[in-house]
């Protein structure tokens, strides 16, 4: 996570992207850990 949600206008695109990236990485990590 980064400091993207400091200002709503500037971080609008940054926050969801960061969150989506984190979710994707977490999913991949869990899959690899399972295998």
N, C-alpha and C. Protein backbone atom coordinates (compact mmCIF):
# COMPACT_ATOMS: atom_id res chain seq x y z
N UNK A 1 0.81 -1.21 0.00
CA UNK A 1 0.00 0.00 0.00
C UNK A 1 0.84 1.26 0.00
N UNK A 2 0.40 2.26 -0.75
CA UNK A 2 1.15 3.52 -0.80
C UNK A 2 0.30 4.66 -0.30
N UNK A 3 0.85 5.88 -0.31
CA UNK A 3 0.10 7.05 0.15
C UNK A 3 -0.67 7.67 -0.99
N UNK A 4 -1.62 6.96 -1.54
CA UNK A 4 -2.37 7.45 -2.69
C UNK A 4 -3.65 8.15 -2.30
N UNK A 5 -4.22 7.77 -1.14
CA UNK A 5 -5.50 8.33 -0.75
C UNK A 5 -5.34 9.57 0.12
N UNK A 6 -4.29 10.35 -0.15
CA UNK A 6 -4.11 11.60 0.58
C UNK A 6 -5.18 12.60 0.12
N UNK A 7 -5.31 12.73 -1.20
CA UNK A 7 -6.35 13.59 -1.76
C UNK A 7 -7.21 12.75 -2.67
N UNK A 8 -8.53 12.82 -2.47
CA UNK A 8 -9.46 11.95 -3.19
C UNK A 8 -9.30 12.11 -4.71
N UNK A 9 -9.09 13.34 -5.16
CA UNK A 9 -9.01 13.59 -6.60
C UNK A 9 -7.79 12.89 -7.20
N UNK A 10 -6.65 12.99 -6.55
CA UNK A 10 -5.43 12.42 -7.11
C UNK A 10 -5.34 10.93 -6.88
N UNK A 11 -5.91 10.46 -5.78
CA UNK A 11 -5.74 9.05 -5.44
C UNK A 11 -6.86 8.16 -5.93
N UNK A 12 -7.84 8.74 -6.62
CA UNK A 12 -9.01 7.96 -7.06
C UNK A 12 -8.58 6.74 -7.87
N UNK A 13 -7.64 6.94 -8.78
CA UNK A 13 -7.20 5.84 -9.63
C UNK A 13 -6.11 5.02 -8.95
N UNK A 14 -5.38 5.66 -8.05
CA UNK A 14 -4.25 4.98 -7.44
C UNK A 14 -4.71 3.94 -6.43
N UNK A 15 -5.69 4.32 -5.61
CA UNK A 15 -6.12 3.44 -4.53
C UNK A 15 -6.68 2.11 -5.05
N UNK A 16 -7.66 2.13 -5.95
CA UNK A 16 -8.20 0.86 -6.46
C UNK A 16 -7.14 0.00 -7.14
N UNK A 17 -6.25 0.63 -7.89
CA UNK A 17 -5.20 -0.12 -8.56
C UNK A 17 -4.31 -0.82 -7.54
N UNK A 18 -3.93 -0.10 -6.50
CA UNK A 18 -3.07 -0.65 -5.47
C UNK A 18 -3.77 -1.80 -4.77
N UNK A 19 -5.05 -1.62 -4.50
CA UNK A 19 -5.82 -2.65 -3.81
C UNK A 19 -5.98 -3.88 -4.68
N UNK A 20 -6.26 -3.65 -5.96
CA UNK A 20 -6.43 -4.77 -6.88
C UNK A 20 -5.13 -5.54 -7.03
N UNK A 21 -4.03 -4.79 -7.09
CA UNK A 21 -2.72 -5.42 -7.23
C UNK A 21 -2.42 -6.29 -6.00
N UNK A 22 -2.73 -5.74 -4.83
CA UNK A 22 -2.49 -6.48 -3.59
C UNK A 22 -3.32 -7.75 -3.53
N UNK A 23 -4.57 -7.64 -3.97
CA UNK A 23 -5.45 -8.80 -3.95
C UNK A 23 -4.95 -9.87 -4.91
N UNK A 24 -4.50 -9.44 -6.08
CA UNK A 24 -4.00 -10.37 -7.08
C UNK A 24 -2.75 -11.08 -6.57
N UNK A 25 -1.83 -10.30 -6.01
CA UNK A 25 -0.59 -10.88 -5.49
C UNK A 25 -0.91 -11.87 -4.38
N UNK A 26 -1.86 -11.51 -3.53
CA UNK A 26 -2.22 -12.38 -2.41
C UNK A 26 -2.81 -13.69 -2.93
N UNK A 27 -3.65 -13.59 -3.97
CA UNK A 27 -4.28 -14.78 -4.53
C UNK A 27 -3.22 -15.70 -5.15
N UNK A 28 -2.30 -15.10 -5.89
CA UNK A 28 -1.24 -15.88 -6.52
C UNK A 28 -0.36 -16.54 -5.46
N UNK A 29 -0.03 -15.78 -4.42
CA UNK A 29 0.81 -16.30 -3.36
C UNK A 29 0.15 -17.50 -2.68
N UNK A 30 -1.15 -17.39 -2.44
CA UNK A 30 -1.87 -18.48 -1.80
C UNK A 30 -1.90 -19.71 -2.70
N UNK A 31 -2.08 -19.49 -3.99
CA UNK A 31 -2.10 -20.59 -4.94
C UNK A 31 -0.76 -21.32 -4.96
N UNK A 32 0.32 -20.55 -4.98
CA UNK A 32 1.66 -21.14 -5.00
C UNK A 32 1.93 -21.86 -3.68
N UNK A 33 1.45 -21.28 -2.58
CA UNK A 33 1.66 -21.88 -1.27
C UNK A 33 0.90 -23.20 -1.17
N UNK A 34 -0.26 -23.25 -1.81
CA UNK A 34 -1.08 -24.46 -1.78
C UNK A 34 -0.42 -25.56 -2.60
N UNK A 35 0.14 -25.19 -3.74
CA UNK A 35 0.79 -26.16 -4.61
C UNK A 35 2.16 -26.52 -4.02
